[in-house]
Amino acid sequence: MPPRFRNAVLTGACGGLGQALARGLIADGTQVALVGLDRERLRALEALAPGRCAVYTPDVADTVAMQAMAADWMARAGTPDLVIANAGVAGGFDTAQAEDLAVLRRMLEINLLGAATTFQPFVAAMRGEARGALVGMASIAGWRGMPGNGAYCASKAGLIRYLESLRAELRGSGVGVHTVSPGYIRTALTAGNRFAMPGLLEPEEAARRTLAAVAAGRERIVLPRRIGWLSKALDCLPEALHDRLLSGQPRKPRAGEAGATPIPGLPPFSSPPTPKEGSPPT
């Protein structure tokens, strides 16, 4: 039986969902360009099918590096019929803290700009062949802002609108644009969360559902669907009540706090110095 996808490009292939997507594609017989920052993890995936995979380690926000990756892959394997912009980072955000502005900038670069730099080198070739799927990994967090999570919510909301625009531009071209909005998936990005995560999915199940839905042509994919319904139900509440309910929940760890996941390209946050005994608090 032929693979659902012949030729795929996958960014964020080092993370939990990325690894699961890569393994699913490789098991299906797909040629895969594995894009990420951890070369050792990518090499381990490549070893599962060395004749069908290639490893690339650009920063997804680096336009020139991403174009070079795309040119090399298409020279090897031809035009992809699946491009998944999966690279993403998450972390708490506090507008009152000046250092968090760097978090916002870097999160927008990876989560939003990174999707455009992933798709751009392939769009003309895919449109020329009138086939293929462009998949953006958004989030239910992009549907509504949440206290302490403004940078992530903004990046995913922007990604959803970008994908809507791209879908309209490519409508009728033979190239599909698919928006995936997961709820919670058990990965390093959610490991430090201090709040309840209803509908938590294992990455393998999320990957299986994603690839099946894209192959079936679904343009908007919510994982799991019941979490999407819950989010829409909460949106029916008055704004003030909705905000009070969310404000009472624990916040996602900010960069430098316990449980925070590292953000590539962001300098590590230093802890404030411990005041000496007898000195006034700062």
Protein backbone atom coordinates (compact mmCIF):
# COMPACT_ATOMS: atom_id res chain seq x y z
CA MET A 1 0.00 0.00 0.00
CA PRO A 2 1.54 3.38 -0.99
CA PRO A 3 2.22 5.93 1.75
CA ARG A 4 -0.35 8.63 2.37
CA PHE A 5 2.39 11.17 1.75
CA ARG A 6 5.34 10.61 -0.54
CA ASN A 7 7.60 13.49 0.48
CA ALA A 8 7.33 15.51 3.71
CA VAL A 9 9.16 18.39 5.38
CA LEU A 10 8.76 18.58 9.15
CA THR A 11 10.06 21.34 11.41
CA GLY A 12 10.25 20.94 15.18
CA ALA A 13 11.13 17.29 14.64
CA CYS A 14 13.07 17.13 17.93
CA GLY A 15 10.14 17.74 20.29
CA GLY A 16 7.56 15.30 21.59
CA LEU A 17 4.91 15.87 18.92
CA GLY A 18 7.55 16.36 16.24
CA GLN A 19 9.19 13.06 17.09
CA ALA A 20 5.82 11.30 16.96
CA LEU A 21 4.96 12.90 13.60
CA ALA A 22 8.36 11.94 12.21
CA ARG A 23 8.06 8.34 13.38
CA GLY A 24 4.56 8.09 11.92
CA LEU A 25 5.68 9.40 8.54
CA ILE A 26 8.79 7.22 8.48
CA ALA A 27 6.77 4.13 9.38
CA ASP A 28 4.39 4.98 6.53
CA GLY A 29 7.22 4.94 3.98
CA THR A 30 7.45 8.71 3.47
CA GLN A 31 10.66 10.52 2.58
CA VAL A 32 11.17 13.07 5.35
CA ALA A 33 13.26 16.21 5.75
CA LEU A 34 13.83 16.36 9.51
CA VAL A 35 14.27 19.97 10.65
CA GLY A 36 15.20 20.89 14.22
CA LEU A 37 17.99 22.10 16.47
CA ASP A 38 19.05 18.88 18.23
CA ARG A 39 21.19 17.06 15.66
CA GLU A 40 21.56 13.92 17.78
CA ARG A 41 17.80 13.43 18.08
CA LEU A 42 17.37 14.01 14.38
CA ARG A 43 20.14 11.54 13.56
CA ALA A 44 18.35 8.92 15.66
CA LEU A 45 15.22 9.45 13.59
CA GLU A 46 17.20 9.40 10.34
CA ALA A 47 18.65 6.04 11.36
CA LEU A 48 15.14 4.55 11.20
CA ALA A 49 15.17 5.05 7.42
CA PRO A 50 18.57 6.40 6.33
CA GLY A 51 17.75 6.24 2.66
CA ARG A 52 14.60 8.30 3.04
CA CYS A 53 15.56 11.03 5.51
CA ALA A 54 17.85 14.03 5.72
CA VAL A 55 18.74 16.17 8.75
CA TYR A 56 18.73 19.99 8.80
CA THR A 57 19.39 22.26 11.77
CA PRO A 58 18.51 25.87 10.79
CA ASP A 59 16.77 28.40 13.00
CA VAL A 60 13.25 28.45 11.55
CA ALA A 61 13.18 32.25 11.78
CA ASP A 62 16.28 32.52 9.55
CA THR A 63 14.89 33.08 6.06
CA VAL A 64 18.15 32.41 4.22
CA ALA A 65 18.87 29.20 6.15
CA MET A 66 15.34 27.90 5.58
CA GLN A 67 15.54 28.64 1.85
CA ALA A 68 18.87 26.79 1.67
CA MET A 69 17.31 23.81 3.46
CA ALA A 70 14.39 23.77 1.05
CA ALA A 71 16.62 24.01 -2.02
CA ASP A 72 18.79 21.12 -0.84
CA TRP A 73 15.82 18.91 0.00
CA MET A 74 14.04 19.52 -3.30
CA ALA A 75 17.26 18.79 -5.17
CA ARG A 76 17.39 15.44 -3.37
CA ALA A 77 13.75 14.42 -3.23
CA GLY A 78 11.69 16.77 -5.39
CA THR A 79 8.70 18.88 -4.43
CA PRO A 80 7.12 17.82 -1.14
CA ASP A 81 3.45 16.96 -0.92
CA LEU A 82 3.39 17.68 2.83
CA VAL A 83 5.04 20.54 4.74
CA ILE A 84 4.38 20.70 8.49
CA ALA A 85 5.34 23.88 10.34
CA ASN A 86 5.51 22.27 13.77
CA ALA A 87 8.37 24.19 15.41
CA GLY A 88 7.10 26.06 18.45
CA VAL A 89 7.96 27.30 21.91
CA ALA A 90 5.85 28.18 24.94
CA GLY A 91 6.30 30.05 28.17
CA GLY A 92 4.68 32.41 30.63
CA PHE A 93 4.67 36.15 30.00
CA ASP A 94 4.29 39.23 32.19
CA THR A 95 4.05 42.60 30.46
CA ALA A 96 5.21 44.34 33.65
CA GLN A 97 8.61 42.63 33.35
CA ALA A 98 10.92 44.30 30.82
CA GLU A 99 12.90 41.10 30.17
CA ASP A 100 9.73 39.35 29.02
CA LEU A 101 9.58 41.54 25.94
CA ALA A 102 12.45 39.45 24.57
CA VAL A 103 10.31 36.36 25.22
CA LEU A 104 7.46 37.83 23.20
CA ARG A 105 9.77 38.76 20.32
CA ARG A 106 11.41 35.34 20.16
CA MET A 107 8.10 33.49 20.48
CA LEU A 108 6.64 35.44 17.58
CA GLU A 109 9.77 34.72 15.54
CA ILE A 110 9.51 30.96 16.07
CA ASN A 111 5.77 30.33 16.33
CA LEU A 112 4.53 32.79 13.71
CA LEU A 113 7.34 33.94 11.43
CA GLY A 114 8.75 30.39 11.52
CA ALA A 115 5.64 29.03 9.82
CA ALA A 116 5.93 31.51 6.96
CA THR A 117 9.66 30.85 6.50
CA THR A 118 8.87 27.12 6.45
CA PHE A 119 6.17 27.36 3.78
CA GLN A 120 7.57 30.13 1.57
CA PRO A 121 10.31 28.16 -0.27
CA PHE A 122 7.85 25.43 -1.27
CA VAL A 123 4.67 27.31 -2.22
CA ALA A 124 5.55 28.10 -5.83
CA ALA A 125 6.71 24.55 -6.60
CA MET A 126 3.68 22.97 -4.91
CA ARG A 127 1.30 25.33 -6.68
CA GLY A 128 3.05 24.57 -9.95
CA GLU A 129 2.32 20.88 -9.45
CA ALA A 130 -1.21 21.64 -8.18
CA ARG A 131 -0.90 19.36 -5.18
CA GLY A 132 0.24 19.15 -1.58
CA ALA A 133 -0.64 20.16 1.96
CA LEU A 134 0.72 22.96 4.14
CA VAL A 135 0.08 22.25 7.83
CA GLY A 136 0.43 24.80 10.62
CA MET A 137 0.49 23.64 14.23
CA ALA A 138 -1.53 26.31 16.00
CA SER A 139 -3.28 25.86 19.37
CA ILE A 140 -6.60 26.30 21.12
CA ALA A 141 -4.65 28.91 23.11
CA GLY A 142 -4.85 31.03 19.97
CA TRP A 143 -8.63 31.21 20.25
CA ARG A 144 -8.61 33.44 23.32
CA GLY A 145 -6.05 35.20 25.47
CA MET A 146 -5.21 33.70 28.85
CA PRO A 147 -3.68 35.49 31.85
CA GLY A 148 0.06 35.03 32.08
CA ASN A 149 0.23 33.49 28.62
CA GLY A 150 -0.06 36.52 26.37
CA ALA A 151 3.02 35.87 24.24
CA TYR A 152 2.05 32.29 23.36
CA CYS A 153 -1.63 33.12 22.81
CA ALA A 154 -0.71 36.05 20.57
CA SER A 155 1.70 33.97 18.50
CA LYS A 156 -0.85 31.21 17.95
CA ALA A 157 -3.71 33.62 17.25
CA GLY A 158 -1.51 35.29 14.66
CA LEU A 159 -0.67 31.90 13.16
CA ILE A 160 -4.36 31.00 12.85
CA ARG A 161 -5.10 34.24 10.98
CA TYR A 162 -2.02 33.81 8.79
CA LEU A 163 -3.14 30.29 7.84
CA GLU A 164 -6.64 31.57 7.03
CA SER A 165 -5.14 34.15 4.71
CA LEU A 166 -2.86 31.61 3.04
CA ARG A 167 -5.78 29.19 2.62
CA ALA A 168 -7.79 31.83 0.80
CA GLU A 169 -4.82 32.70 -1.42
CA LEU A 170 -4.29 29.06 -2.42
CA ARG A 171 -7.95 28.07 -2.73
CA GLY A 172 -8.42 26.25 -6.03
CA SER A 173 -4.69 25.80 -6.62
CA GLY A 174 -4.62 22.16 -5.53
CA VAL A 175 -2.55 23.04 -2.44
CA GLY A 176 -4.42 22.64 0.85
CA VAL A 177 -3.77 24.67 3.99
CA HIS A 178 -4.56 22.94 7.28
CA THR A 179 -4.81 24.55 10.72
CA VAL A 180 -4.21 22.16 13.63
CA SER A 181 -5.35 23.45 17.03
CA PRO A 182 -4.36 21.01 19.77
CA GLY A 183 -5.39 21.36 23.37
CA TYR A 184 -2.88 19.77 25.74
CA ILE A 185 -0.31 17.23 24.58
CA ARG A 186 2.08 15.48 26.95
CA THR A 187 5.37 17.06 25.84
CA ALA A 188 8.17 19.14 27.32
CA LEU A 189 6.13 22.28 26.58
CA THR A 190 3.38 21.20 28.99
CA ALA A 191 5.52 19.39 31.56
CA GLY A 192 5.88 22.49 33.75
CA ASN A 193 2.21 23.49 33.67
CA ARG A 194 0.79 24.02 37.16
CA PHE A 195 -2.87 23.84 36.15
CA ALA A 196 -5.30 21.12 35.12
CA MET A 197 -4.96 19.94 31.52
CA PRO A 198 -8.27 18.32 30.49
CA GLY A 199 -8.16 16.08 27.45
CA LEU A 200 -4.38 15.58 27.69
CA LEU A 201 -3.21 13.57 24.66
CA GLU A 202 -0.14 11.44 24.22
CA PRO A 203 2.01 12.74 21.35
CA GLU A 204 1.66 9.51 19.37
CA GLU A 205 -2.12 9.78 19.42
CA ALA A 206 -2.01 13.47 18.49
CA ALA A 207 0.34 12.70 15.58
CA ARG A 208 -1.85 9.83 14.35
CA ARG A 209 -4.97 11.99 14.40
CA THR A 210 -3.21 14.90 12.73
CA LEU A 211 -1.83 12.91 9.81
CA ALA A 212 -5.14 11.09 9.28
CA ALA A 213 -7.12 14.35 9.30
CA VAL A 214 -4.74 16.06 6.85
CA ALA A 215 -4.87 13.03 4.54
CA ALA A 216 -8.68 13.22 4.70
CA GLY A 217 -8.55 16.88 3.62
CA ARG A 218 -9.84 18.47 6.83
CA GLU A 219 -8.81 22.13 6.86
CA ARG A 220 -9.45 22.84 10.55
CA ILE A 221 -8.35 20.15 12.96
CA VAL A 222 -8.97 20.32 16.73
CA LEU A 223 -7.31 17.82 19.09
CA PRO A 224 -9.29 16.51 20.89
CA ARG A 225 -12.58 17.89 19.58
CA ARG A 226 -14.24 17.99 23.01
CA ILE A 227 -11.66 20.49 24.24
CA GLY A 228 -12.58 22.75 21.34
CA TRP A 229 -16.24 22.50 22.35
CA LEU A 230 -15.33 23.33 25.95
CA SER A 231 -13.35 26.37 24.84
CA LYS A 232 -16.24 27.61 22.71
CA ALA A 233 -18.67 27.07 25.59
CA LEU A 234 -16.50 29.17 27.90
CA ASP A 235 -16.48 31.93 25.29
CA CYS A 236 -20.25 32.20 25.74
CA LEU A 237 -19.72 33.50 29.28
CA PRO A 238 -19.66 37.24 29.96
CA GLU A 239 -16.15 38.64 29.49
CA ALA A 240 -15.70 39.65 33.14
CA LEU A 241 -16.79 36.22 34.43
CA HIS A 242 -14.58 34.41 31.93
CA ASP A 243 -11.59 36.53 32.96
CA ARG A 244 -12.23 35.90 36.68
CA LEU A 245 -12.36 32.15 36.12
CA LEU A 246 -9.06 32.17 34.23
CA SER A 247 -7.36 34.62 36.59
CA GLY A 248 -7.80 32.18 39.45
CA GLN A 249 -5.77 29.48 37.69
CA PRO A 250 -2.02 28.97 38.24
CA ARG A 251 0.15 30.73 35.66
CA LYS A 252 2.48 29.07 33.18
CA PRO A 253 6.14 29.36 34.36
CA ARG A 254 8.04 32.31 32.93
CA ALA A 255 11.55 31.97 31.53
CA GLY A 256 13.95 31.40 34.40
CA GLU A 257 11.29 29.98 36.73
CA ALA A 258 11.06 26.36 37.83
CA GLY A 259 9.32 24.24 35.22
CA ALA A 260 9.90 26.65 32.33
CA THR A 261 11.05 25.13 29.05
CA PRO A 262 14.09 26.71 27.36
CA ILE A 263 13.42 29.00 24.41
CA PRO A 264 16.13 28.62 21.73
CA GLY A 265 17.89 31.86 20.93
CA LEU A 266 16.79 33.52 24.17
CA PRO A 267 19.56 34.31 26.66
CA PRO A 268 19.03 32.49 29.96
CA PHE A 269 17.34 34.63 32.57
CA SER A 270 19.46 35.25 35.65
CA SER A 271 17.90 35.02 39.09
CA PRO A 272 17.91 38.26 41.09
CA PRO A 273 20.71 38.43 43.68
CA THR A 274 19.84 37.34 47.20
CA PRO A 275 19.89 40.42 49.47
CA LYS A 276 22.42 40.40 52.28
CA GLU A 277 21.17 40.07 55.81
CA GLY A 278 20.00 43.44 57.09
CA SER A 279 19.82 45.05 53.67
CA PRO A 280 16.52 46.60 52.57
CA PRO A 281 14.40 44.55 50.17
CA THR A 282 14.46 45.61 46.52
